[in-house]
Amino acid sequence: MKFVTFQKKDGSIRAGWIENDRFVVDMHEASNGVLPKDMLSFLENHSFFMKYISSEQKTWSPDKGVYLLKEIDLKAPLPNPKSFRDFYAFEEHVKTARINRGLDMIPEWYDIPVFYFSNHLAIKGPSERITRPNNCEWLDYELEMACVIGKEGRDIKAEHADEHIFGYCILNDWSARDFQRKEMKVGLGPAKGKDFATSIGPYIVTKDELEEYRVDNGYDLTMRATVNGVLLSEGNMKDIYYSFGEMIERASKGVTLYPGEMIGSGTVGSGCILELGTDVHPWLVPGDEVELEITSLGKLTNKIISE
């Protein structure tokens, strides 16, 4: 299933899912209030709610709580995740990005998957405008995939991590590279260079929908990024060095993960301007439109504006 958060013509924001690629079901309205209005509440008890959907879906009235996809506005499918950890899991990205900053590959990267906490209160959705931070001259996109936690757990082993994943979505980890370059010399993780916006969407795809693409280390999913219609980045999720299972094992070590937390993969190889170089494409400016696409996860499009 493809779960969404959307705005109706009356201005109300509701959670639901897409039917037949043409309709959106308002889960709260269609279920006469049994299902919640928002995605976070759904995730917190999704095992019960998914069983309810399976048992009741065929009996719901087709004219109640069902809207044409073209008549609603899609928002970030999970606009208020409980937290957002972003990992650094693609070797090619790490190597190339460090080389372009004049740094050697750090051997410790091969010991453990590492992450930073980003701003989970600055989540943007499809078609939402991204404001370039004031005084930022090196704005970049990052082509990533995210998983959404659906089951609570602590000290989760990688081989059991799939039990704790509800689904996946496209993620764009917007980066102010000039801010980032200066602040990371101090030795802490990304801060002002990353805190202004993260885009996700257009929907959360439940993990069962991706089974046909499963490979040893994850999924065989083509990942692409275009700027103003020109293809700049192309990679594949199967090239990831650390699997989502390994990331979840690391994130949950001595810590409880809860439904509604979000974990990013890090950038696929060639998945940002920092890697490609400004001779391939200059840093993003107001007016640029960035579109990310991942097999079975849809397309996520955002336009840059100025403050």
Protein backbone atom coordinates (compact mmCIF):
# COMPACT_ATOMS: atom_id res chain seq x y z
CA MET A 1 0.00 0.00 0.00
CA LYS A 2 0.99 3.60 -0.55
CA PHE A 3 0.21 5.78 2.47
CA VAL A 4 -0.08 9.54 2.18
CA THR A 5 -0.89 12.70 4.05
CA PHE A 6 -2.94 15.18 2.03
CA GLN A 7 -4.89 18.40 2.15
CA LYS A 8 -8.51 18.45 1.03
CA LYS A 9 -10.30 21.35 -0.61
CA ASP A 10 -11.75 22.39 2.76
CA GLY A 11 -8.21 22.87 4.07
CA SER A 12 -8.20 19.88 6.42
CA ILE A 13 -5.11 17.66 6.56
CA ARG A 14 -5.76 13.92 6.64
CA ALA A 15 -3.89 10.63 6.29
CA GLY A 16 -4.88 7.82 3.97
CA TRP A 17 -3.72 5.75 1.07
CA ILE A 18 -3.75 5.72 -2.72
CA GLU A 19 -6.13 3.42 -4.60
CA ASN A 20 -5.57 2.43 -8.25
CA ASP A 21 -3.19 5.38 -8.74
CA ARG A 22 -6.25 7.65 -9.20
CA PHE A 23 -7.94 7.99 -5.84
CA VAL A 24 -7.01 8.87 -2.27
CA VAL A 25 -8.88 7.35 0.66
CA ASP A 26 -9.29 9.48 3.79
CA MET A 27 -8.79 6.69 6.32
CA HIS A 28 -10.62 8.48 9.14
CA GLU A 29 -13.65 9.44 7.09
CA ALA A 30 -13.96 6.16 5.20
CA SER A 31 -13.76 4.11 8.42
CA ASN A 32 -16.33 6.24 10.29
CA GLY A 33 -13.66 7.35 12.73
CA VAL A 34 -12.12 3.96 13.54
CA LEU A 35 -8.85 4.87 11.81
CA PRO A 36 -6.99 8.01 12.92
CA LYS A 37 -6.72 11.32 11.12
CA ASP A 38 -2.90 11.48 11.01
CA MET A 39 -0.10 9.18 9.93
CA LEU A 40 1.86 9.22 13.17
CA SER A 41 -1.15 7.97 15.15
CA PHE A 42 -1.67 5.27 12.52
CA LEU A 43 1.93 4.08 12.84
CA GLU A 44 1.71 3.88 16.62
CA ASN A 45 -0.94 1.14 16.31
CA HIS A 46 -0.57 0.10 12.70
CA SER A 47 -0.72 -3.67 13.30
CA PHE A 48 -4.32 -3.37 14.50
CA PHE A 49 -5.22 -0.76 11.90
CA MET A 50 -3.79 -2.79 8.99
CA LYS A 51 -5.87 -5.79 10.04
CA TYR A 52 -8.93 -3.54 10.18
CA ILE A 53 -8.22 -2.21 6.68
CA SER A 54 -7.84 -5.74 5.31
CA SER A 55 -11.11 -6.89 6.84
CA GLU A 56 -13.24 -3.82 6.13
CA GLN A 57 -11.88 -2.24 2.98
CA LYS A 58 -14.21 -4.04 0.55
CA THR A 59 -17.30 -3.01 2.52
CA TRP A 60 -16.62 0.73 2.55
CA SER A 61 -18.82 2.98 0.48
CA PRO A 62 -16.99 4.16 -2.66
CA ASP A 63 -18.50 7.63 -2.31
CA LYS A 64 -17.44 8.26 1.29
CA GLY A 65 -13.96 9.51 2.09
CA VAL A 66 -12.63 8.82 -1.42
CA TYR A 67 -11.20 11.67 -3.48
CA LEU A 68 -9.62 12.03 -6.88
CA LEU A 69 -5.85 12.25 -6.57
CA LYS A 70 -5.81 15.27 -8.86
CA GLU A 71 -8.20 17.14 -6.56
CA ILE A 72 -6.07 17.00 -3.40
CA ASP A 73 -2.60 18.27 -2.45
CA LEU A 74 -0.10 15.69 -1.27
CA LYS A 75 1.94 16.66 1.79
CA ALA A 76 4.90 14.94 3.40
CA PRO A 77 3.53 11.45 4.11
CA LEU A 78 4.86 11.62 7.67
CA PRO A 79 5.03 15.36 8.38
CA ASN A 80 5.99 14.94 12.04
CA PRO A 81 8.34 11.97 12.55
CA LYS A 82 9.37 11.40 16.14
CA SER A 83 13.01 11.65 15.12
CA PHE A 84 15.17 11.61 12.02
CA ARG A 85 18.54 9.87 11.92
CA ASP A 86 20.45 10.12 8.65
CA PHE A 87 23.20 7.58 7.97
CA TYR A 88 26.24 7.69 5.72
CA ALA A 89 25.92 4.23 4.16
CA PHE A 90 27.08 4.44 0.51
CA GLU A 91 30.83 3.98 0.13
CA GLU A 92 31.10 5.78 -3.22
CA HIS A 93 29.44 8.90 -1.83
CA VAL A 94 31.68 8.96 1.24
CA LYS A 95 34.87 8.49 -0.76
CA THR A 96 34.06 11.03 -3.47
CA ALA A 97 32.69 13.65 -1.09
CA ARG A 98 35.80 13.43 1.09
CA ILE A 99 38.12 13.63 -1.92
CA ASN A 100 36.31 16.75 -3.11
CA ARG A 101 36.90 18.28 0.32
CA GLY A 102 40.59 17.35 0.19
CA LEU A 103 40.24 14.51 2.71
CA ASP A 104 41.34 10.87 2.66
CA MET A 105 38.89 8.05 3.28
CA ILE A 106 38.54 7.53 7.02
CA PRO A 107 39.17 3.84 7.91
CA GLU A 108 36.78 3.94 10.87
CA TRP A 109 33.90 4.30 8.43
CA TYR A 110 34.26 0.58 7.67
CA ASP A 111 33.93 -0.35 11.35
CA ILE A 112 30.43 0.96 12.10
CA PRO A 113 27.54 2.67 10.30
CA VAL A 114 27.38 6.26 11.53
CA PHE A 115 24.57 8.79 11.56
CA TYR A 116 23.61 12.26 12.72
CA PHE A 117 20.31 13.57 14.05
CA SER A 118 18.66 16.09 11.74
CA ASN A 119 15.76 18.47 12.32
CA HIS A 120 12.59 16.33 12.39
CA LEU A 121 10.51 19.53 12.65
CA ALA A 122 11.59 20.80 9.21
CA ILE A 123 10.04 18.08 7.04
CA LYS A 124 8.79 19.12 3.60
CA GLY A 125 6.58 17.29 1.13
CA PRO A 126 6.16 16.88 -2.62
CA SER A 127 5.87 20.13 -4.61
CA GLU A 128 6.62 22.14 -1.47
CA ARG A 129 8.97 25.09 -1.96
CA ILE A 130 12.43 24.86 -0.39
CA THR A 131 13.78 28.16 0.90
CA ARG A 132 17.47 28.62 0.31
CA PRO A 133 18.95 29.75 3.64
CA ASN A 134 20.00 33.36 3.81
CA ASN A 135 23.69 33.80 2.90
CA CYS A 136 23.92 30.24 1.53
CA GLU A 137 25.72 30.11 -1.82
CA TRP A 138 26.35 26.34 -2.04
CA LEU A 139 22.91 24.74 -1.85
CA ASP A 140 22.82 21.03 -2.73
CA TYR A 141 20.33 18.17 -3.01
CA GLU A 142 20.99 14.63 -1.78
CA LEU A 143 19.36 11.56 -3.34
CA GLU A 144 18.41 9.13 -0.57
CA MET A 145 15.90 6.55 0.60
CA ALA A 146 14.35 6.43 4.07
CA CYS A 147 12.71 3.74 6.15
CA VAL A 148 9.94 4.42 8.66
CA ILE A 149 9.91 2.47 11.91
CA GLY A 150 6.63 0.71 12.65
CA LYS A 151 7.47 -1.47 15.67
CA GLU A 152 9.13 -0.56 18.96
CA GLY A 153 12.43 -2.25 19.72
CA ARG A 154 15.74 -1.99 21.53
CA ASP A 155 19.05 -3.71 20.75
CA ILE A 156 17.55 -4.99 17.49
CA LYS A 157 19.73 -7.42 15.56
CA ALA A 158 20.19 -6.70 11.86
CA GLU A 159 18.63 -10.01 10.86
CA HIS A 160 15.43 -9.09 12.75
CA ALA A 161 15.30 -5.43 11.74
CA ASP A 162 12.83 -5.99 8.90
CA GLU A 163 10.17 -6.79 11.52
CA HIS A 164 10.48 -3.20 12.76
CA ILE A 165 10.17 -1.46 9.37
CA PHE A 166 6.76 -0.22 8.26
CA GLY A 167 7.76 1.12 4.86
CA TYR A 168 10.01 3.27 2.71
CA CYS A 169 10.00 6.62 0.92
CA ILE A 170 12.22 8.94 -1.09
CA LEU A 171 14.29 11.41 0.94
CA ASN A 172 16.08 14.60 -0.10
CA ASP A 173 18.57 15.73 2.54
CA TRP A 174 19.02 19.36 1.48
CA SER A 175 22.47 20.70 2.33
CA ALA A 176 24.02 24.14 2.67
CA ARG A 177 27.52 23.01 1.74
CA ASP A 178 29.25 26.28 2.56
CA PHE A 179 27.77 26.26 6.08
CA GLN A 180 28.57 22.57 6.45
CA ARG A 181 32.16 22.88 5.28
CA LYS A 182 32.97 25.49 7.90
CA GLU A 183 31.13 24.04 10.89
CA MET A 184 32.38 20.46 10.45
CA LYS A 185 35.96 21.64 10.88
CA VAL A 186 35.03 22.05 14.54
CA GLY A 187 34.43 18.29 14.78
CA LEU A 188 30.69 17.94 15.34
CA GLY A 189 28.17 16.55 12.86
CA PRO A 190 26.06 18.58 10.43
CA ALA A 191 24.12 21.38 12.13
CA LYS A 192 23.12 24.64 10.38
CA GLY A 193 24.21 23.09 7.10
CA LYS A 194 21.39 20.56 7.38
CA ASP A 195 18.68 21.84 9.72
CA PHE A 196 16.55 23.96 7.38
CA ALA A 197 14.72 21.32 5.30
CA THR A 198 14.37 17.63 4.52
CA SER A 199 11.91 16.50 1.84
CA ILE A 200 10.15 13.13 1.87
CA GLY A 201 7.44 11.56 -0.24
CA PRO A 202 5.34 11.42 -2.24
CA TYR A 203 4.14 8.44 -0.17
CA ILE A 204 5.32 5.71 2.19
CA VAL A 205 5.33 2.35 0.42
CA THR A 206 4.81 -0.64 2.71
CA LYS A 207 7.73 -3.06 2.68
CA ASP A 208 5.73 -5.91 1.12
CA GLU A 209 5.44 -3.86 -2.07
CA LEU A 210 9.23 -4.03 -2.54
CA GLU A 211 9.71 -7.78 -2.10
CA GLU A 212 10.16 -8.38 -5.83
CA TYR A 213 13.21 -6.09 -5.75
CA ARG A 214 14.92 -7.65 -2.73
CA VAL A 215 18.60 -8.57 -3.01
CA ASP A 216 21.22 -9.59 -0.44
CA ASN A 217 21.93 -6.11 0.89
CA GLY A 218 18.55 -4.52 0.43
CA TYR A 219 16.71 -3.70 -2.80
CA ASP A 220 17.52 -3.40 -6.50
CA LEU A 221 16.00 0.04 -7.02
CA THR A 222 17.18 2.57 -9.58
CA MET A 223 17.67 6.05 -8.11
CA ARG A 224 17.74 9.20 -10.26
CA ALA A 225 17.93 12.94 -9.75
CA THR A 226 17.24 15.68 -12.27
CA VAL A 227 17.63 19.44 -12.00
CA ASN A 228 15.43 21.47 -14.32
CA GLY A 229 14.71 18.30 -16.28
CA VAL A 230 18.38 17.38 -16.84
CA LEU A 231 19.53 14.01 -15.44
CA LEU A 232 22.47 14.55 -13.08
CA SER A 233 22.53 11.58 -10.71
CA GLU A 234 21.87 7.89 -11.26
CA GLY A 235 22.59 5.03 -8.87
CA ASN A 236 21.06 1.96 -7.30
CA MET A 237 19.99 1.11 -3.77
CA LYS A 238 21.65 -2.32 -4.05
CA ASP A 239 25.07 -0.60 -4.01
CA ILE A 240 24.63 0.40 -0.36
CA TYR A 241 27.47 -0.75 1.92
CA TYR A 242 25.47 -0.89 5.15
CA SER A 243 21.95 -2.34 4.93
CA PHE A 244 18.96 -0.80 6.67
CA GLY A 245 19.16 -3.79 9.01
CA GLU A 246 22.69 -2.83 10.02
CA MET A 247 21.66 0.80 10.42
CA ILE A 248 18.76 -0.16 12.67
CA GLU A 249 21.00 -2.42 14.73
CA ARG A 250 23.39 0.49 15.27
CA ALA A 251 20.64 3.04 15.96
CA SER A 252 18.89 0.77 18.49
CA LYS A 253 22.02 -0.26 20.40
CA GLY A 254 21.19 0.69 23.99
CA VAL A 255 18.32 2.86 22.71
CA THR A 256 14.63 2.18 22.09
CA LEU A 257 13.29 2.92 18.62
CA TYR A 258 9.61 3.84 18.41
CA PRO A 259 6.99 3.77 15.65
CA GLY A 260 7.16 6.98 13.66
CA GLU A 261 10.94 7.41 13.75
CA MET A 262 12.65 7.83 10.39
CA ILE A 263 16.05 6.58 9.22
CA GLY A 264 17.80 7.84 6.09
CA SER A 265 20.23 5.82 3.98
CA GLY A 266 22.64 8.60 3.19
CA THR A 267 23.35 9.70 -0.36
CA VAL A 268 23.74 7.20 -3.18
CA GLY A 269 26.95 7.45 -5.21
CA SER A 270 26.87 10.51 -7.54
CA GLY A 271 23.70 11.63 -5.77
CA CYS A 272 24.62 15.28 -5.11
CA ILE A 273 26.44 18.24 -6.63
CA LEU A 274 29.23 17.93 -4.06
CA GLU A 275 30.21 14.64 -5.71
CA LEU A 276 29.51 15.62 -9.31
CA GLY A 277 31.36 18.92 -9.11
CA THR A 278 30.19 22.39 -10.08
CA ASP A 279 31.62 21.90 -13.57
CA VAL A 280 28.78 19.40 -14.09
CA HIS A 281 26.17 21.64 -12.46
CA PRO A 282 26.46 24.78 -10.35
CA TRP A 283 25.08 24.95 -6.82
CA LEU A 284 21.31 25.28 -6.69
CA VAL A 285 19.71 28.71 -6.94
CA PRO A 286 16.15 30.04 -6.58
CA GLY A 287 14.09 28.89 -9.54
CA ASP A 288 15.79 25.50 -9.84
CA GLU A 289 13.52 22.45 -9.68
CA VAL A 290 14.90 19.19 -8.30
CA GLU A 291 13.17 15.86 -8.94
CA LEU A 292 14.20 12.61 -7.25
CA GLU A 293 12.88 9.27 -8.50
CA ILE A 294 13.28 5.77 -7.08
CA THR A 295 11.79 2.59 -8.55
CA SER A 296 8.36 1.89 -6.95
CA LEU A 297 8.70 4.87 -4.58
CA GLY A 298 7.54 7.50 -7.05
CA LYS A 299 8.88 10.97 -7.74
CA LEU A 300 9.63 13.77 -5.28
CA THR A 301 9.78 17.26 -6.79
CA ASN A 302 10.68 20.53 -5.08
CA LYS A 303 11.47 24.03 -6.32
CA ILE A 304 14.01 26.35 -4.73
CA ILE A 305 12.97 29.84 -3.64
CA SER A 306 14.78 32.66 -1.86
CA GLU A 307 14.05 33.99 1.63
